[in-house]
């Protein structure tokens, strides 16, 4: 585990203890994605941190919302 991973994980855990709002969790998700894009996190670490945020439990249709956030639209079939 990298120091970046541990740093973000600690902030997520602190945020849970302080019951941070969903909007703050979304900002943290942006930091996770940025760190993964820079190569500071490996994909497995990024997924673990994303799951730790618990956004699937609070954002309705999270997978579709996440996809729209990445691509700017809902991609019906990625294989086409």
Protein backbone atom coordinates (compact mmCIF):
# COMPACT_ATOMS: atom_id res chain seq x y z
CA UNK A 1 0.00 0.00 0.00
CA UNK A 2 1.30 3.41 -0.92
CA UNK A 3 1.51 6.46 1.31
CA UNK A 4 -1.07 8.11 -0.97
CA UNK A 5 -3.42 5.19 -0.39
CA UNK A 6 -2.93 5.36 3.37
CA UNK A 7 -3.40 9.12 3.44
CA UNK A 8 -6.68 9.00 1.52
CA UNK A 9 -7.89 6.00 3.54
CA UNK A 10 -7.25 7.88 6.81
CA UNK A 11 -9.22 10.90 5.54
CA UNK A 12 -12.11 8.68 4.47
CA UNK A 13 -12.21 7.02 7.89
CA UNK A 14 -12.04 10.42 9.60
CA UNK A 15 -14.84 11.63 7.34
CA UNK A 16 -17.01 8.67 8.33
CA UNK A 17 -16.46 9.45 12.00
CA UNK A 18 -17.53 13.05 11.37
CA UNK A 19 -20.42 12.05 9.10
CA UNK A 20 -19.30 14.16 6.17
CA UNK A 21 -21.92 14.88 3.48
CA UNK A 22 -22.14 13.11 0.14
CA UNK A 23 -20.74 16.16 -1.62
CA UNK A 24 -17.51 15.84 0.36
CA UNK A 25 -17.30 12.16 -0.49
CA UNK A 26 -17.65 13.03 -4.18
CA UNK A 27 -14.73 15.44 -3.88
CA UNK A 28 -12.71 12.64 -2.28
CA UNK A 29 -13.68 10.36 -5.17
CA UNK A 30 -12.31 12.98 -7.55
CA UNK A 31 -9.02 12.93 -5.65
CA UNK A 32 -8.93 9.12 -5.89
CA UNK A 33 -9.51 9.23 -9.65
CA UNK A 34 -6.87 11.93 -10.07
CA UNK A 35 -4.33 9.95 -8.02
CA UNK A 36 -5.04 6.82 -10.06
CA UNK A 37 -4.64 8.77 -13.29
CA UNK A 38 -1.27 10.07 -12.13
CA UNK A 39 -0.18 6.55 -11.21
CA UNK A 40 -0.03 7.29 -7.48
CA UNK A 41 -2.62 4.54 -6.89
CA UNK A 42 -2.95 1.21 -8.64
CA UNK A 43 -6.45 0.33 -9.87
CA UNK A 44 -7.00 -2.17 -7.03
CA UNK A 45 -6.22 0.54 -4.43
CA UNK A 46 -8.47 3.06 -6.18
CA UNK A 47 -11.38 0.60 -6.22
CA UNK A 48 -10.86 -0.23 -2.54
CA UNK A 49 -10.90 3.45 -1.60
CA UNK A 50 -13.97 4.09 -3.77
CA UNK A 51 -15.80 1.24 -2.02
CA UNK A 52 -14.71 2.59 1.37
CA UNK A 53 -16.45 5.88 0.56
CA UNK A 54 -19.78 4.03 0.56
CA UNK A 55 -21.29 6.05 -2.26
CA UNK A 56 -23.26 3.08 -3.60
CA UNK A 57 -25.29 3.13 -0.37
CA UNK A 58 -26.23 6.82 -0.64
CA UNK A 59 -26.33 7.65 -4.37
CA UNK A 60 -29.29 6.23 -6.24
CA UNK A 61 -28.21 4.42 -9.44
CA UNK A 62 -24.55 4.95 -8.51
CA UNK A 63 -23.12 2.92 -11.39
CA UNK A 64 -25.02 4.99 -13.98
CA UNK A 65 -24.15 8.26 -12.21
CA UNK A 66 -20.49 7.22 -12.08
CA UNK A 67 -20.49 6.35 -15.77
CA UNK A 68 -22.05 9.70 -16.65
CA UNK A 69 -19.39 11.41 -14.57
CA UNK A 70 -16.60 9.68 -16.48
CA UNK A 71 -18.01 9.93 -19.99
CA UNK A 72 -20.45 12.85 -19.83
CA UNK A 73 -23.25 10.52 -20.89
CA UNK A 74 -24.71 7.13 -20.15
CA UNK A 75 -23.01 4.68 -22.50
CA UNK A 76 -25.58 2.03 -23.42
CA UNK A 77 -23.21 -0.58 -24.83
CA UNK A 78 -19.48 -0.16 -24.47
CA UNK A 79 -18.84 -2.98 -27.00
CA UNK A 80 -20.24 -1.05 -29.97
